[in-house]
Amino acid sequence: MGNSQSIPKINFEDVQMASKHPELYLLINTLAIYEQDCLIINSIHASQEEVVINKHLKLKNNVPIIIYGKNSNDDALYRKYQQLLQLGFSNVYLYLGGLFEWLLLQDIYGAIDFPTTSQQLDILKYKPNQRLHVGLIDYK
């Protein structure tokens, strides 16, 4: 539609492959610094992101970068995507399911196929916020 550019999105299978090959891909998360205790395996910790990005900028290496957030409603993905494009990276992808989808898949299929840096028992703390029926009074 019009002159807009589509943002490339990937699924969990692409993330599985990327996490198995950290020498070929960068996995960047948009979780807050205090939420870095559980990440998809081989993700770049937020405290190391600037160093890693600068290294690839100096090498003029257009490494494929996958960005994921807390869940499918995490708007920080789009800000990070724009930031990386402005820095000159063009091989950037979004994993919209985020850590929430990954942990759900881990719960069903196991940590071997969906590894994380730590075990997370409270998966629902990563769920998207409810949008409908919020603040409505229920008269019964």
C-alpha atoms as a PDB file:
ATOM      1  CA  MET A   1       0.000   0.000   0.000  1.00  0.00           C
ATOM      2  CA  GLY A   2       1.499   3.288  -1.032  1.00  0.00           C
ATOM      3  CA  ASN A   3       5.160   3.953  -0.546  1.00  0.00           C
ATOM      4  CA  SER A   4       5.611   2.192   2.785  1.00  0.00           C
ATOM      5  CA  GLN A   5       8.205  -0.458   3.445  1.00  0.00           C
ATOM      6  CA  SER A   6       7.215  -3.736   5.056  1.00  0.00           C
ATOM      7  CA  ILE A   7       9.078  -4.738   8.208  1.00  0.00           C
ATOM      8  CA  PRO A   8      10.522  -8.256   7.857  1.00  0.00           C
ATOM      9  CA  LYS A   9       9.103 -10.623  10.459  1.00  0.00           C
ATOM     10  CA  ILE A  10      10.225 -14.135  11.336  1.00  0.00           C
ATOM     11  CA  ASN A  11       8.823 -17.059  13.291  1.00  0.00           C
ATOM     12  CA  PHE A  12      10.125 -19.230  16.123  1.00  0.00           C
ATOM     13  CA  GLU A  13      11.843 -21.663  13.729  1.00  0.00           C
ATOM     14  CA  ASP A  14      14.043 -18.855  12.442  1.00  0.00           C
ATOM     15  CA  VAL A  15      14.886 -17.900  16.023  1.00  0.00           C
ATOM     16  CA  GLN A  16      15.746 -21.521  16.816  1.00  0.00           C
ATOM     17  CA  MET A  17      18.220 -21.550  13.938  1.00  0.00           C
ATOM     18  CA  ALA A  18      19.695 -18.172  14.877  1.00  0.00           C
ATOM     19  CA  SER A  19      20.130 -19.144  18.524  1.00  0.00           C
ATOM     20  CA  LYS A  20      22.050 -22.249  17.438  1.00  0.00           C
ATOM     21  CA  HIS A  21      24.405 -20.130  15.291  1.00  0.00           C
ATOM     22  CA  PRO A  22      25.439 -17.053  17.299  1.00  0.00           C
ATOM     23  CA  GLU A  23      28.470 -16.666  15.038  1.00  0.00           C
ATOM     24  CA  LEU A  24      26.119 -15.876  12.130  1.00  0.00           C
ATOM     25  CA  TYR A  25      23.248 -13.967  13.794  1.00  0.00           C
ATOM     26  CA  LEU A  26      22.680 -11.390  16.511  1.00  0.00           C
ATOM     27  CA  LEU A  27      19.728 -11.921  18.835  1.00  0.00           C
ATOM     28  CA  ILE A  28      18.814  -8.634  20.486  1.00  0.00           C
ATOM     29  CA  ASN A  29      16.084  -8.258  23.074  1.00  0.00           C
ATOM     30  CA  THR A  30      14.184  -5.155  24.150  1.00  0.00           C
ATOM     31  CA  LEU A  31      13.457  -6.243  27.700  1.00  0.00           C
ATOM     32  CA  ALA A  32      14.316  -3.822  30.499  1.00  0.00           C
ATOM     33  CA  ILE A  33      17.750  -4.162  32.083  1.00  0.00           C
ATOM     34  CA  TYR A  34      16.138  -5.602  35.234  1.00  0.00           C
ATOM     35  CA  GLU A  35      14.394  -8.302  33.124  1.00  0.00           C
ATOM     36  CA  GLN A  36      17.548  -9.766  31.581  1.00  0.00           C
ATOM     37  CA  ASP A  37      17.613 -12.824  33.858  1.00  0.00           C
ATOM     38  CA  CYS A  38      15.671 -14.998  31.405  1.00  0.00           C
ATOM     39  CA  LEU A  39      16.482 -14.607  27.706  1.00  0.00           C
ATOM     40  CA  ILE A  40      16.445 -16.798  24.638  1.00  0.00           C
ATOM     41  CA  ILE A  41      19.782 -18.603  24.640  1.00  0.00           C
ATOM     42  CA  ASN A  42      22.628 -16.735  22.897  1.00  0.00           C
ATOM     43  CA  SER A  43      20.799 -13.410  23.104  1.00  0.00           C
ATOM     44  CA  ILE A  44      22.914 -10.345  23.673  1.00  0.00           C
ATOM     45  CA  HIS A  45      22.465  -9.059  27.208  1.00  0.00           C
ATOM     46  CA  ALA A  46      21.327  -5.422  27.247  1.00  0.00           C
ATOM     47  CA  SER A  47      24.518  -4.413  29.075  1.00  0.00           C
ATOM     48  CA  GLN A  48      26.613  -5.726  26.139  1.00  0.00           C
ATOM     49  CA  GLU A  49      24.435  -4.559  23.260  1.00  0.00           C
ATOM     50  CA  GLU A  50      26.240  -1.274  22.570  1.00  0.00           C
ATOM     51  CA  VAL A  51      29.667  -2.948  22.476  1.00  0.00           C
ATOM     52  CA  VAL A  52      28.479  -5.693  20.121  1.00  0.00           C
ATOM     53  CA  ILE A  53      26.654  -3.276  17.797  1.00  0.00           C
ATOM     54  CA  ASN A  54      29.687  -0.953  17.636  1.00  0.00           C
ATOM     55  CA  LYS A  55      31.933  -3.911  16.787  1.00  0.00           C
ATOM     56  CA  HIS A  56      29.741  -4.830  13.842  1.00  0.00           C
ATOM     57  CA  LEU A  57      29.505  -1.203  12.725  1.00  0.00           C
ATOM     58  CA  LYS A  58      33.315  -0.935  12.644  1.00  0.00           C
ATOM     59  CA  LEU A  59      33.578  -4.166  10.657  1.00  0.00           C
ATOM     60  CA  LYS A  60      30.891  -2.858   8.274  1.00  0.00           C
ATOM     61  CA  ASN A  61      29.383  -6.276   8.781  1.00  0.00           C
ATOM     62  CA  ASN A  62      25.735  -6.486   7.763  1.00  0.00           C
ATOM     63  CA  VAL A  63      25.069  -9.375  10.114  1.00  0.00           C
ATOM     64  CA  PRO A  64      21.443 -10.560  10.289  1.00  0.00           C
ATOM     65  CA  ILE A  65      19.899  -9.120  13.455  1.00  0.00           C
ATOM     66  CA  ILE A  66      16.806 -10.548  15.113  1.00  0.00           C
ATOM     67  CA  ILE A  67      14.967  -8.369  17.611  1.00  0.00           C
ATOM     68  CA  TYR A  68      12.482  -9.747  20.103  1.00  0.00           C
ATOM     69  CA  GLY A  69      10.665  -8.265  23.063  1.00  0.00           C
ATOM     70  CA  LYS A  70       8.642  -9.335  26.024  1.00  0.00           C
ATOM     71  CA  ASN A  71       5.560 -10.292  23.998  1.00  0.00           C
ATOM     72  CA  SER A  72       3.571  -9.525  20.857  1.00  0.00           C
ATOM     73  CA  ASN A  73       2.495  -6.098  22.153  1.00  0.00           C
ATOM     74  CA  ASP A  74       6.025  -4.852  22.895  1.00  0.00           C
ATOM     75  CA  ASP A  75       6.326  -1.629  20.889  1.00  0.00           C
ATOM     76  CA  ALA A  76      10.013  -1.309  21.804  1.00  0.00           C
ATOM     77  CA  LEU A  77      10.733  -3.715  18.926  1.00  0.00           C
ATOM     78  CA  TYR A  78       9.767  -1.099  16.378  1.00  0.00           C
ATOM     79  CA  ARG A  79      11.871   1.605  18.038  1.00  0.00           C
ATOM     80  CA  LYS A  80      14.892  -0.727  18.137  1.00  0.00           C
ATOM     81  CA  TYR A  81      14.273  -1.679  14.508  1.00  0.00           C
ATOM     82  CA  GLN A  82      14.297   1.983  13.427  1.00  0.00           C
ATOM     83  CA  GLN A  83      17.396   2.669  15.522  1.00  0.00           C
ATOM     84  CA  LEU A  84      19.331  -0.166  13.865  1.00  0.00           C
ATOM     85  CA  LEU A  85      18.236   0.935  10.385  1.00  0.00           C
ATOM     86  CA  GLN A  86      19.430   4.470  11.125  1.00  0.00           C
ATOM     87  CA  LEU A  87      22.807   3.065  12.190  1.00  0.00           C
ATOM     88  CA  GLY A  88      23.124   1.449   8.768  1.00  0.00           C
ATOM     89  CA  PHE A  89      22.017  -2.130   9.379  1.00  0.00           C
ATOM     90  CA  SER A  90      19.645  -3.433   6.725  1.00  0.00           C
ATOM     91  CA  ASN A  91      19.386  -7.119   7.579  1.00  0.00           C
ATOM     92  CA  VAL A  92      17.056  -6.680  10.585  1.00  0.00           C
ATOM     93  CA  TYR A  93      14.106  -8.936  11.472  1.00  0.00           C
ATOM     94  CA  LEU A  94      11.402  -8.926  14.136  1.00  0.00           C
ATOM     95  CA  TYR A  95      10.279 -11.940  16.137  1.00  0.00           C
ATOM     96  CA  LEU A  96       6.874 -10.673  17.226  1.00  0.00           C
ATOM     97  CA  GLY A  97       6.005 -13.580  19.516  1.00  0.00           C
ATOM     98  CA  GLY A  98       8.739 -12.495  21.869  1.00  0.00           C
ATOM     99  CA  LEU A  99       9.873 -14.177  25.026  1.00  0.00           C
ATOM    100  CA  PHE A 100       6.279 -14.977  26.014  1.00  0.00           C
ATOM    101  CA  GLU A 101       5.680 -17.144  22.933  1.00  0.00           C
ATOM    102  CA  TRP A 102       9.127 -18.730  23.326  1.00  0.00           C
ATOM    103  CA  LEU A 103       8.415 -19.680  26.954  1.00  0.00           C
ATOM    104  CA  LEU A 104       5.012 -21.110  26.029  1.00  0.00           C
ATOM    105  CA  LEU A 105       6.675 -23.244  23.364  1.00  0.00           C
ATOM    106  CA  GLN A 106       9.335 -24.248  25.885  1.00  0.00           C
ATOM    107  CA  ASP A 107       6.607 -25.322  28.305  1.00  0.00           C
ATOM    108  CA  ILE A 108       4.978 -27.516  25.645  1.00  0.00           C
ATOM    109  CA  TYR A 109       7.978 -28.850  23.708  1.00  0.00           C
ATOM    110  CA  GLY A 110      10.814 -28.574  26.220  1.00  0.00           C
ATOM    111  CA  ALA A 111      13.947 -26.579  26.923  1.00  0.00           C
ATOM    112  CA  ILE A 112      16.055 -28.564  24.458  1.00  0.00           C
ATOM    113  CA  ASP A 113      14.123 -27.125  21.507  1.00  0.00           C
ATOM    114  CA  PHE A 114      13.428 -23.752  23.158  1.00  0.00           C
ATOM    115  CA  PRO A 115      16.385 -22.999  25.449  1.00  0.00           C
ATOM    116  CA  THR A 116      16.623 -19.959  27.693  1.00  0.00           C
ATOM    117  CA  THR A 117      19.346 -18.602  29.944  1.00  0.00           C
ATOM    118  CA  SER A 118      17.334 -19.596  33.028  1.00  0.00           C
ATOM    119  CA  GLN A 119      14.204 -21.520  33.875  1.00  0.00           C
ATOM    120  CA  GLN A 120      11.110 -19.356  34.240  1.00  0.00           C
ATOM    121  CA  LEU A 121       8.182 -20.812  36.142  1.00  0.00           C
ATOM    122  CA  ASP A 122       5.922 -17.738  35.989  1.00  0.00           C
ATOM    123  CA  ILE A 123       5.385 -17.499  32.227  1.00  0.00           C
ATOM    124  CA  LEU A 124       2.383 -15.202  32.610  1.00  0.00           C
ATOM    125  CA  LYS A 125       4.560 -12.355  33.850  1.00  0.00           C
ATOM    126  CA  TYR A 126       5.600 -11.989  30.189  1.00  0.00           C
ATOM    127  CA  LYS A 127       2.061 -11.954  28.766  1.00  0.00           C
ATOM    128  CA  PRO A 128       0.714  -8.871  26.996  1.00  0.00           C
ATOM    129  CA  ASN A 129      -1.462  -6.504  28.992  1.00  0.00           C
ATOM    130  CA  GLN A 130      -5.194  -6.930  28.620  1.00  0.00           C
ATOM    131  CA  ARG A 131      -6.758  -4.163  26.524  1.00  0.00           C
ATOM    132  CA  LEU A 132     -10.493  -4.912  26.424  1.00  0.00           C
ATOM    133  CA  HIS A 133     -12.765  -4.750  29.472  1.00  0.00           C
ATOM    134  CA  VAL A 134     -10.092  -2.983  31.498  1.00  0.00           C
ATOM    135  CA  GLY A 135     -11.588  -0.740  34.127  1.00  0.00           C
ATOM    136  CA  LEU A 136     -15.164  -1.688  33.342  1.00  0.00           C
ATOM    137  CA  ILE A 137     -17.513  -2.279  36.229  1.00  0.00           C
ATOM    138  CA  ASP A 138     -19.202  -5.645  36.130  1.00  0.00           C
ATOM    139  CA  TYR A 139     -22.776  -5.425  37.441  1.00  0.00           C
ATOM    140  CA  LYS A 140     -24.189  -8.859  38.142  1.00  0.00           C
END
